[in-house]
Amino acid sequence: MSAEAPVLFTTDADGIGTLTLNRPAQLNAFDLGMVDAWRVALEAAEDDERVKVIVVTGAGRAFCAGGNFDEMAKFSELDSMGRKDFLYRHVHRIALTLERMEKPVIAAINGAARGAGCDMALMCDIRLMASSATLAESYINIGLMAGDAGAWFLPRLIGTARALELFWTGRVVEAEEAERIGMVNRVVPDAELLNATYELARTIASKPQQAVRFFRRAVYQSQSMALATHLDMVSSHMAVLEDTPEHRAGIAAFRNRPLAKK
């Protein structure tokens, strides 16, 4: 893939796929080409059996500054149905691809994430954040709202009241606060961000992958399920996992360990 491509995707020997937003001169603000390349890269990672975990990060000093203003000007020239259709056919497909994705997705937030860039980080399963990075739901400052599912993801992470405060003020959230209120899992020094992210990714990639994927499915699907329905589903998952080679190997390894270590 060309280094000039708006999104780069690479894989390593541990099964970690890295999706890099690659418009550093524009602070990785997305245009239509980047949105579509982002979706294509996610779909390729989803279909590639070598890929076990996906890392999303930005090139340069930003994660993603949100929408490119030139692109937004073109967006404004459309009529209301054209704008809705643009979101449906392009931006929304990223959220829907991530929703159905069974592989873990980790955001390495290396710098500023604004508006849709913040929301793209929220769509990932886990977020690690550099200590100098910042987040902001900045739509309100230009009289807009999140059209890409930010208003769906953020309340589920930090609660309704906190989410509304951030949406209504558009204020910048520093890394320490982001960790405290649950927008991100962990804050690490800038120089350690990628090392910490790949260490976590390799840990997850080393685990039985069918169980990893069933956990992801169960956690997200349970958000719209009654308890009885959830229990019925996970009993099926458990029954299937009992038959997997990874489960049998894990049980055999446990039984063969010295008693003192069990």
Protein backbone atom coordinates (compact mmCIF):
# COMPACT_ATOMS: atom_id res chain seq x y z
CA MET A 1 0.00 0.00 0.00
CA SER A 2 1.32 3.46 -0.93
CA ALA A 3 2.66 5.62 1.88
CA GLU A 4 0.53 8.43 0.38
CA ALA A 5 -2.67 6.44 0.92
CA PRO A 6 -5.12 8.13 3.34
CA VAL A 7 -5.26 4.96 5.45
CA LEU A 8 -2.42 2.48 5.89
CA PHE A 9 -2.97 -1.12 6.99
CA THR A 10 -0.20 -3.49 8.04
CA THR A 11 -0.08 -6.83 9.85
CA ASP A 12 2.63 -8.47 11.92
CA ALA A 13 3.62 -12.01 12.82
CA ASP A 14 1.58 -11.90 16.06
CA GLY A 15 -1.66 -11.33 14.19
CA ILE A 16 -1.89 -7.62 15.04
CA GLY A 17 -3.30 -5.45 12.27
CA THR A 18 -2.53 -1.72 12.43
CA LEU A 19 -4.81 0.77 10.74
CA THR A 20 -3.11 4.19 10.55
CA LEU A 21 -4.97 7.34 9.57
CA ASN A 22 -2.46 8.89 7.22
CA ARG A 23 -3.12 12.55 6.48
CA PRO A 24 -0.73 14.05 9.05
CA ALA A 25 -0.47 17.45 7.34
CA GLN A 26 -4.25 17.78 7.80
CA LEU A 27 -4.13 16.34 11.36
CA ASN A 28 -5.81 13.26 9.87
CA ALA A 29 -9.04 15.17 9.30
CA PHE A 30 -11.09 12.93 7.09
CA ASP A 31 -12.44 13.50 3.63
CA LEU A 32 -14.56 11.11 1.59
CA GLY A 33 -11.50 9.20 0.36
CA MET A 34 -10.30 8.58 3.91
CA VAL A 35 -13.75 7.52 5.14
CA ASP A 36 -14.10 4.95 2.39
CA ALA A 37 -10.49 3.75 2.79
CA TRP A 38 -11.08 3.38 6.53
CA ARG A 39 -14.10 1.17 5.92
CA VAL A 40 -12.31 -0.91 3.27
CA ALA A 41 -9.35 -1.47 5.62
CA LEU A 42 -11.65 -2.53 8.46
CA GLU A 43 -13.49 -4.96 6.19
CA ALA A 44 -10.19 -6.40 4.94
CA ALA A 45 -9.03 -6.90 8.52
CA GLU A 46 -12.33 -8.52 9.40
CA ASP A 47 -11.98 -11.02 6.55
CA ASP A 48 -8.27 -11.77 7.05
CA GLU A 49 -7.96 -14.82 9.31
CA ARG A 50 -4.37 -13.90 10.11
CA VAL A 51 -5.57 -10.79 11.91
CA LYS A 52 -6.58 -11.38 15.54
CA VAL A 53 -6.56 -7.84 16.96
CA ILE A 54 -6.78 -4.45 15.22
CA VAL A 55 -5.02 -1.28 16.41
CA VAL A 56 -6.22 2.12 15.14
CA THR A 57 -3.96 5.17 15.43
CA GLY A 58 -3.03 8.36 13.61
CA ALA A 59 0.13 9.42 11.78
CA GLY A 60 1.90 12.51 13.04
CA ARG A 61 0.75 14.57 16.01
CA ALA A 62 -3.03 13.99 15.88
CA PHE A 63 -5.34 11.02 16.08
CA CYS A 64 -8.07 12.62 13.95
CA ALA A 65 -9.18 16.26 13.85
CA GLY A 66 -12.65 15.33 12.63
CA GLY A 67 -14.10 16.36 9.30
CA ASN A 68 -12.06 18.26 6.72
CA PHE A 69 -13.56 21.74 6.29
CA ASP A 70 -13.29 21.67 2.49
CA GLU A 71 -15.19 18.39 2.49
CA MET A 72 -17.74 19.85 4.92
CA ALA A 73 -18.31 22.76 2.53
CA LYS A 74 -19.19 20.28 -0.23
CA PHE A 75 -21.45 18.49 2.23
CA SER A 76 -23.29 21.74 2.95
CA GLU A 77 -24.00 22.24 -0.75
CA LEU A 78 -26.11 19.07 -0.84
CA ASP A 79 -29.81 19.15 -0.05
CA SER A 80 -31.01 17.57 3.19
CA MET A 81 -31.65 14.17 1.60
CA GLY A 82 -28.23 14.25 -0.05
CA ARG A 83 -26.56 14.96 3.30
CA LYS A 84 -28.45 12.15 5.00
CA ASP A 85 -27.60 9.77 2.17
CA PHE A 86 -23.90 10.75 2.36
CA LEU A 87 -23.78 9.84 6.05
CA TYR A 88 -25.70 6.62 5.46
CA ARG A 89 -23.58 5.43 2.53
CA HIS A 90 -20.16 6.40 3.89
CA VAL A 91 -19.73 7.50 7.52
CA HIS A 92 -22.29 5.16 9.04
CA ARG A 93 -20.72 2.14 7.41
CA ILE A 94 -17.69 2.49 9.66
CA ALA A 95 -19.84 2.29 12.80
CA LEU A 96 -21.82 -0.64 11.41
CA THR A 97 -18.66 -2.47 10.33
CA LEU A 98 -17.23 -2.08 13.82
CA GLU A 99 -20.51 -3.21 15.38
CA ARG A 100 -20.47 -6.54 13.53
CA MET A 101 -16.69 -6.98 13.87
CA GLU A 102 -15.84 -9.93 16.08
CA LYS A 103 -12.16 -9.06 16.42
CA PRO A 104 -11.04 -6.71 19.22
CA VAL A 105 -10.28 -3.15 18.10
CA ILE A 106 -7.96 -0.95 20.18
CA ALA A 107 -7.58 2.79 19.65
CA ALA A 108 -4.13 4.24 20.35
CA ILE A 109 -5.02 7.91 20.74
CA ASN A 110 -1.72 9.58 19.98
CA GLY A 111 -2.93 13.18 19.80
CA ALA A 112 -5.96 15.39 19.42
CA ALA A 113 -9.26 13.66 18.59
CA ARG A 114 -12.04 16.10 17.74
CA GLY A 115 -15.66 15.67 16.72
CA ALA A 116 -15.93 12.65 14.45
CA GLY A 117 -12.32 11.81 15.28
CA CYS A 118 -13.29 11.51 18.93
CA ASP A 119 -16.29 9.41 17.98
CA MET A 120 -14.18 7.07 15.87
CA ALA A 121 -12.06 6.38 18.96
CA LEU A 122 -15.21 5.76 21.00
CA MET A 123 -16.33 3.14 18.47
CA CYS A 124 -13.28 1.00 19.27
CA ASP A 125 -13.55 -1.60 22.02
CA ILE A 126 -10.63 -0.32 24.11
CA ARG A 127 -8.86 3.06 24.16
CA LEU A 128 -5.32 3.81 25.27
CA MET A 129 -4.42 7.50 25.31
CA ALA A 130 -1.14 9.40 25.27
CA SER A 131 -0.79 11.75 28.23
CA SER A 132 -0.60 14.82 25.99
CA ALA A 133 -3.58 13.82 23.82
CA THR A 134 -7.00 15.44 24.13
CA LEU A 135 -10.59 14.61 23.23
CA ALA A 136 -13.51 16.90 22.39
CA GLU A 137 -17.05 16.52 21.13
CA SER A 138 -16.65 19.81 19.29
CA TYR A 139 -19.72 19.74 17.02
CA ILE A 140 -21.64 22.30 19.09
CA ASN A 141 -19.04 24.95 18.33
CA ILE A 142 -20.12 24.99 14.67
CA GLY A 143 -23.80 24.39 15.32
CA LEU A 144 -23.85 20.68 14.52
CA MET A 145 -24.39 17.42 16.34
CA ALA A 146 -22.71 14.03 16.10
CA GLY A 147 -24.07 12.34 12.98
CA ASP A 148 -21.92 9.24 13.30
CA ALA A 149 -23.15 7.47 16.48
CA GLY A 150 -21.16 9.52 19.00
CA ALA A 151 -24.42 10.19 20.84
CA TRP A 152 -24.92 6.41 21.02
CA PHE A 153 -21.44 5.45 22.21
CA LEU A 154 -20.49 8.21 24.66
CA PRO A 155 -23.43 7.88 27.11
CA ARG A 156 -22.78 4.15 27.32
CA LEU A 157 -19.20 4.85 28.37
CA ILE A 158 -19.58 7.76 30.79
CA GLY A 159 -23.31 8.10 31.53
CA THR A 160 -26.00 10.40 30.20
CA ALA A 161 -25.31 13.52 32.28
CA ARG A 162 -21.57 13.60 31.59
CA ALA A 163 -22.12 12.89 27.91
CA LEU A 164 -24.62 15.72 27.56
CA GLU A 165 -22.24 18.12 29.28
CA LEU A 166 -19.51 17.31 26.77
CA PHE A 167 -21.89 17.52 23.81
CA TRP A 168 -23.43 20.80 24.97
CA THR A 169 -20.17 22.57 25.86
CA GLY A 170 -17.75 21.10 23.32
CA ARG A 171 -15.00 21.50 25.89
CA VAL A 172 -11.65 19.78 25.58
CA VAL A 173 -11.09 16.74 27.81
CA GLU A 174 -7.51 16.22 28.94
CA ALA A 175 -6.11 12.72 29.29
CA GLU A 176 -6.32 12.54 33.08
CA GLU A 177 -10.03 13.39 33.08
CA ALA A 178 -10.72 11.07 30.16
CA GLU A 179 -9.31 8.16 32.16
CA ARG A 180 -11.13 9.19 35.34
CA ILE A 181 -14.58 9.38 33.75
CA GLY A 182 -14.15 6.25 31.63
CA MET A 183 -13.74 7.68 28.13
CA VAL A 184 -10.45 5.78 27.87
CA ASN A 185 -9.14 2.67 29.58
CA ARG A 186 -5.65 3.89 30.31
CA VAL A 187 -3.37 6.92 29.92
CA VAL A 188 0.34 6.33 29.30
CA PRO A 189 3.31 8.61 28.60
CA ASP A 190 3.46 9.66 24.96
CA ALA A 191 6.62 7.70 24.23
CA GLU A 192 5.09 4.51 25.64
CA LEU A 193 1.72 4.62 23.87
CA LEU A 194 2.40 2.22 21.03
CA ASN A 195 4.44 -0.18 23.16
CA ALA A 196 1.62 -0.35 25.72
CA THR A 197 -0.98 -0.75 22.99
CA TYR A 198 0.86 -3.57 21.23
CA GLU A 199 1.59 -5.31 24.53
CA LEU A 200 -2.15 -5.37 25.25
CA ALA A 201 -2.93 -6.40 21.66
CA ARG A 202 -0.43 -9.28 21.81
CA THR A 203 -1.89 -10.46 25.12
CA ILE A 204 -5.37 -10.61 23.63
CA ALA A 205 -4.07 -12.20 20.42
CA SER A 206 -2.42 -14.96 22.47
CA LYS A 207 -5.74 -16.04 24.01
CA PRO A 208 -8.19 -18.59 22.51
CA GLN A 209 -9.71 -16.56 19.71
CA GLN A 210 -13.14 -18.13 19.59
CA ALA A 211 -13.62 -17.31 23.27
CA VAL A 212 -12.37 -13.76 22.66
CA ARG A 213 -14.95 -13.29 19.91
CA PHE A 214 -17.80 -14.86 21.87
CA PHE A 215 -17.03 -12.50 24.78
CA ARG A 216 -17.24 -9.51 22.45
CA ARG A 217 -20.51 -10.73 21.00
CA ALA A 218 -22.01 -11.41 24.43
CA VAL A 219 -21.01 -8.04 25.89
CA TYR A 220 -22.41 -5.93 23.06
CA GLN A 221 -25.53 -7.97 22.43
CA SER A 222 -26.38 -7.97 26.14
CA GLN A 223 -26.86 -4.19 26.00
CA SER A 224 -30.21 -4.71 24.31
CA MET A 225 -31.20 -8.02 25.93
CA ALA A 226 -33.23 -9.06 28.93
CA LEU A 227 -31.24 -11.09 31.46
CA ALA A 228 -33.06 -14.33 30.62
CA THR A 229 -32.31 -13.87 26.92
CA HIS A 230 -28.66 -13.14 27.67
CA LEU A 231 -28.35 -16.25 29.83
CA ASP A 232 -29.90 -18.38 27.11
CA MET A 233 -27.40 -17.01 24.59
CA VAL A 234 -24.30 -17.45 26.74
CA SER A 235 -25.28 -21.00 27.66
CA SER A 236 -25.15 -21.77 23.94
CA HIS A 237 -21.77 -20.04 23.63
CA MET A 238 -20.41 -22.03 26.57
CA ALA A 239 -21.66 -25.29 25.10
CA VAL A 240 -19.95 -24.56 21.78
CA LEU A 241 -16.68 -23.49 23.39
CA GLU A 242 -16.51 -26.77 25.33
CA ASP A 243 -15.94 -28.49 21.97
CA THR A 244 -13.11 -26.25 20.76
CA PRO A 245 -9.50 -27.50 20.61
CA GLU A 246 -8.39 -24.39 22.54
CA HIS A 247 -10.62 -25.28 25.48
CA ARG A 248 -9.47 -28.89 25.54
CA ALA A 249 -5.82 -27.85 25.31
CA GLY A 250 -6.32 -25.34 28.11
CA ILE A 251 -7.89 -27.92 30.40
CA ALA A 252 -5.15 -30.43 29.63
CA ALA A 253 -2.43 -27.86 30.34
CA PHE A 254 -4.09 -26.90 33.63
CA ARG A 255 -4.33 -30.50 34.78
CA ASN A 256 -0.69 -31.11 33.95
CA ARG A 257 0.59 -28.15 35.98
CA PRO A 258 2.22 -28.84 39.37
CA LEU A 259 -0.37 -28.72 42.14
CA ALA A 260 1.29 -25.76 43.88
CA LYS A 261 0.76 -23.57 40.80
CA LYS A 262 -2.92 -24.38 40.29
